Amino acid sequence: MAKIENPMVEVEESIELNDKDISNILLTCLKNFTKNYAVSLTEASNDNLYSVYKKQFDGLSKLQRETFELIFRNGWYTLEEANSSKVGEQYNKLNKCYLNLEEE
């Protein structure tokens, strides 16, 4: 399978946190924040509260994307190219779950 990656920016290995470590910690935190804000959006009790949560969600989502792009550009994250059969398998799996939900 083909990998999609950038040249890796080397960081010093030590017991202290380096740029790669900090970036990965930040990305993990931002992913959790956006998940929690997504839940908050679905449970907001009024339009004003929803608007506040939505603004925060949008900002966090943008920051999460920028952080991911930084990590990827520095070669600290590698993507795997998916062939059409793998995409088809995943689609069929998700579609089956969706159809099962409709039956319930």
C-alpha atoms as a PDB file:
ATOM      1  CA  MET A   1       0.000   0.000   0.000  1.00  0.00           C
ATOM      2  CA  ALA A   2       1.314   3.434  -0.914  1.00  0.00           C
ATOM      3  CA  LYS A   3       2.066   5.825   1.891  1.00  0.00           C
ATOM      4  CA  ILE A   4       1.413   9.536   1.700  1.00  0.00           C
ATOM      5  CA  GLU A   5       3.988  11.370   3.747  1.00  0.00           C
ATOM      6  CA  ASN A   6       6.297  14.353   3.947  1.00  0.00           C
ATOM      7  CA  PRO A   7       9.993  14.389   4.818  1.00  0.00           C
ATOM      8  CA  MET A   8      10.298  14.063   8.583  1.00  0.00           C
ATOM      9  CA  VAL A   9      11.607  16.984  10.590  1.00  0.00           C
ATOM     10  CA  GLU A  10      13.938  15.373  13.083  1.00  0.00           C
ATOM     11  CA  VAL A  11      13.487  16.255  16.752  1.00  0.00           C
ATOM     12  CA  GLU A  12      15.837  15.530  19.595  1.00  0.00           C
ATOM     13  CA  GLU A  13      14.923  12.435  21.572  1.00  0.00           C
ATOM     14  CA  SER A  14      15.114  13.069  25.308  1.00  0.00           C
ATOM     15  CA  ILE A  15      12.987  12.828  28.412  1.00  0.00           C
ATOM     16  CA  GLU A  16      11.856  16.405  27.801  1.00  0.00           C
ATOM     17  CA  LEU A  17       8.932  17.076  25.501  1.00  0.00           C
ATOM     18  CA  ASN A  18       9.915  18.099  21.995  1.00  0.00           C
ATOM     19  CA  ASP A  19       7.870  19.853  19.271  1.00  0.00           C
ATOM     20  CA  LYS A  20       6.523  16.544  17.962  1.00  0.00           C
ATOM     21  CA  ASP A  21       5.377  15.463  21.436  1.00  0.00           C
ATOM     22  CA  ILE A  22       3.730  18.797  22.176  1.00  0.00           C
ATOM     23  CA  SER A  23       1.999  18.858  18.787  1.00  0.00           C
ATOM     24  CA  ASN A  24       0.618  15.349  19.271  1.00  0.00           C
ATOM     25  CA  ILE A  25      -0.607  16.149  22.780  1.00  0.00           C
ATOM     26  CA  LEU A  26      -2.282  19.311  21.476  1.00  0.00           C
ATOM     27  CA  LEU A  27      -3.952  17.396  18.639  1.00  0.00           C
ATOM     28  CA  THR A  28      -5.275  14.755  21.044  1.00  0.00           C
ATOM     29  CA  CYS A  29      -6.715  17.441  23.335  1.00  0.00           C
ATOM     30  CA  LEU A  30      -8.294  19.313  20.424  1.00  0.00           C
ATOM     31  CA  LYS A  31      -9.905  16.114  19.130  1.00  0.00           C
ATOM     32  CA  ASN A  32     -11.450  15.521  22.550  1.00  0.00           C
ATOM     33  CA  PHE A  33     -12.634  19.131  22.828  1.00  0.00           C
ATOM     34  CA  THR A  34     -14.326  19.034  19.413  1.00  0.00           C
ATOM     35  CA  LYS A  35     -16.035  15.723  20.230  1.00  0.00           C
ATOM     36  CA  ASN A  36     -17.355  17.145  23.490  1.00  0.00           C
ATOM     37  CA  TYR A  37     -18.525  20.362  21.832  1.00  0.00           C
ATOM     38  CA  ALA A  38     -20.302  18.305  19.158  1.00  0.00           C
ATOM     39  CA  VAL A  39     -22.263  16.570  21.917  1.00  0.00           C
ATOM     40  CA  SER A  40     -22.944  19.922  23.583  1.00  0.00           C
ATOM     41  CA  LEU A  41     -24.333  21.275  20.305  1.00  0.00           C
ATOM     42  CA  THR A  42     -26.835  18.441  20.066  1.00  0.00           C
ATOM     43  CA  GLU A  43     -27.941  19.010  23.656  1.00  0.00           C
ATOM     44  CA  ALA A  44     -28.042  22.829  23.775  1.00  0.00           C
ATOM     45  CA  SER A  45     -31.282  23.884  25.422  1.00  0.00           C
ATOM     46  CA  ASN A  46     -31.752  27.198  23.571  1.00  0.00           C
ATOM     47  CA  ASP A  47     -30.567  29.127  20.523  1.00  0.00           C
ATOM     48  CA  ASN A  48     -28.252  31.470  22.455  1.00  0.00           C
ATOM     49  CA  LEU A  49     -26.425  28.594  24.109  1.00  0.00           C
ATOM     50  CA  TYR A  50     -26.240  26.773  20.786  1.00  0.00           C
ATOM     51  CA  SER A  51     -24.667  29.843  19.152  1.00  0.00           C
ATOM     52  CA  VAL A  52     -21.999  30.097  21.847  1.00  0.00           C
ATOM     53  CA  TYR A  53     -21.183  26.382  21.575  1.00  0.00           C
ATOM     54  CA  LYS A  54     -21.152  26.552  17.763  1.00  0.00           C
ATOM     55  CA  LYS A  55     -18.682  29.442  17.741  1.00  0.00           C
ATOM     56  CA  GLN A  56     -16.391  27.553  20.133  1.00  0.00           C
ATOM     57  CA  PHE A  57     -16.763  24.337  18.127  1.00  0.00           C
ATOM     58  CA  ASP A  58     -15.865  26.101  14.866  1.00  0.00           C
ATOM     59  CA  GLY A  59     -12.765  27.670  16.403  1.00  0.00           C
ATOM     60  CA  LEU A  60     -11.586  24.409  17.955  1.00  0.00           C
ATOM     61  CA  SER A  61     -12.275  22.484  14.761  1.00  0.00           C
ATOM     62  CA  LYS A  62     -10.207  24.967  12.753  1.00  0.00           C
ATOM     63  CA  LEU A  63      -7.355  24.777  15.270  1.00  0.00           C
ATOM     64  CA  GLN A  64      -7.512  20.979  15.213  1.00  0.00           C
ATOM     65  CA  ARG A  65      -7.179  20.979  11.419  1.00  0.00           C
ATOM     66  CA  GLU A  66      -4.272  23.441  11.506  1.00  0.00           C
ATOM     67  CA  THR A  67      -2.504  21.319  14.121  1.00  0.00           C
ATOM     68  CA  PHE A  68      -2.981  18.161  12.056  1.00  0.00           C
ATOM     69  CA  GLU A  69      -1.623  19.923   8.966  1.00  0.00           C
ATOM     70  CA  LEU A  70       1.444  21.065  10.940  1.00  0.00           C
ATOM     71  CA  ILE A  71       2.105  17.509  12.131  1.00  0.00           C
ATOM     72  CA  PHE A  72       1.619  16.102   8.628  1.00  0.00           C
ATOM     73  CA  ARG A  73       3.824  18.766   6.978  1.00  0.00           C
ATOM     74  CA  ASN A  74       6.609  17.937   9.428  1.00  0.00           C
ATOM     75  CA  GLY A  75       6.427  14.246   8.522  1.00  0.00           C
ATOM     76  CA  TRP A  76       5.261  13.169  11.962  1.00  0.00           C
ATOM     77  CA  TYR A  77       2.067  11.636  10.587  1.00  0.00           C
ATOM     78  CA  THR A  78       1.773   9.256   7.637  1.00  0.00           C
ATOM     79  CA  LEU A  79      -1.367   8.540   5.645  1.00  0.00           C
ATOM     80  CA  GLU A  80      -2.076   5.335   3.795  1.00  0.00           C
ATOM     81  CA  GLU A  81      -3.492   5.508   0.295  1.00  0.00           C
ATOM     82  CA  ALA A  82      -6.705   3.507   0.141  1.00  0.00           C
ATOM     83  CA  ASN A  83      -7.437   1.537  -2.990  1.00  0.00           C
ATOM     84  CA  SER A  84     -10.975   1.422  -4.382  1.00  0.00           C
ATOM     85  CA  SER A  85     -11.700  -2.049  -2.978  1.00  0.00           C
ATOM     86  CA  LYS A  86     -10.799  -0.923   0.544  1.00  0.00           C
ATOM     87  CA  VAL A  87     -13.031   2.139   0.187  1.00  0.00           C
ATOM     88  CA  GLY A  88     -15.825  -0.092  -1.144  1.00  0.00           C
ATOM     89  CA  GLU A  89     -15.464  -2.493   1.775  1.00  0.00           C
ATOM     90  CA  GLN A  90     -15.739   0.355   4.268  1.00  0.00           C
ATOM     91  CA  TYR A  91     -18.740   1.816   2.442  1.00  0.00           C
ATOM     92  CA  ASN A  92     -20.541  -1.548   2.487  1.00  0.00           C
ATOM     93  CA  LYS A  93     -19.800  -1.992   6.187  1.00  0.00           C
ATOM     94  CA  LEU A  94     -21.163   1.461   7.081  1.00  0.00           C
ATOM     95  CA  ASN A  95     -24.143   1.093   4.762  1.00  0.00           C
ATOM     96  CA  LYS A  96     -25.048  -2.222   6.439  1.00  0.00           C
ATOM     97  CA  CYS A  97     -24.975  -0.493   9.847  1.00  0.00           C
ATOM     98  CA  TYR A  98     -27.151   2.312   8.481  1.00  0.00           C
ATOM     99  CA  LEU A  99     -29.701  -0.113   7.047  1.00  0.00           C
ATOM    100  CA  ASN A 100     -29.829  -1.997  10.345  1.00  0.00           C
ATOM    101  CA  LEU A 101     -30.594   1.274  12.143  1.00  0.00           C
ATOM    102  CA  GLU A 102     -33.464   2.002   9.739  1.00  0.00           C
ATOM    103  CA  GLU A 103     -34.999  -1.412  10.498  1.00  0.00           C
ATOM    104  CA  GLU A 104     -35.129  -0.770  14.234  1.00  0.00           C
END
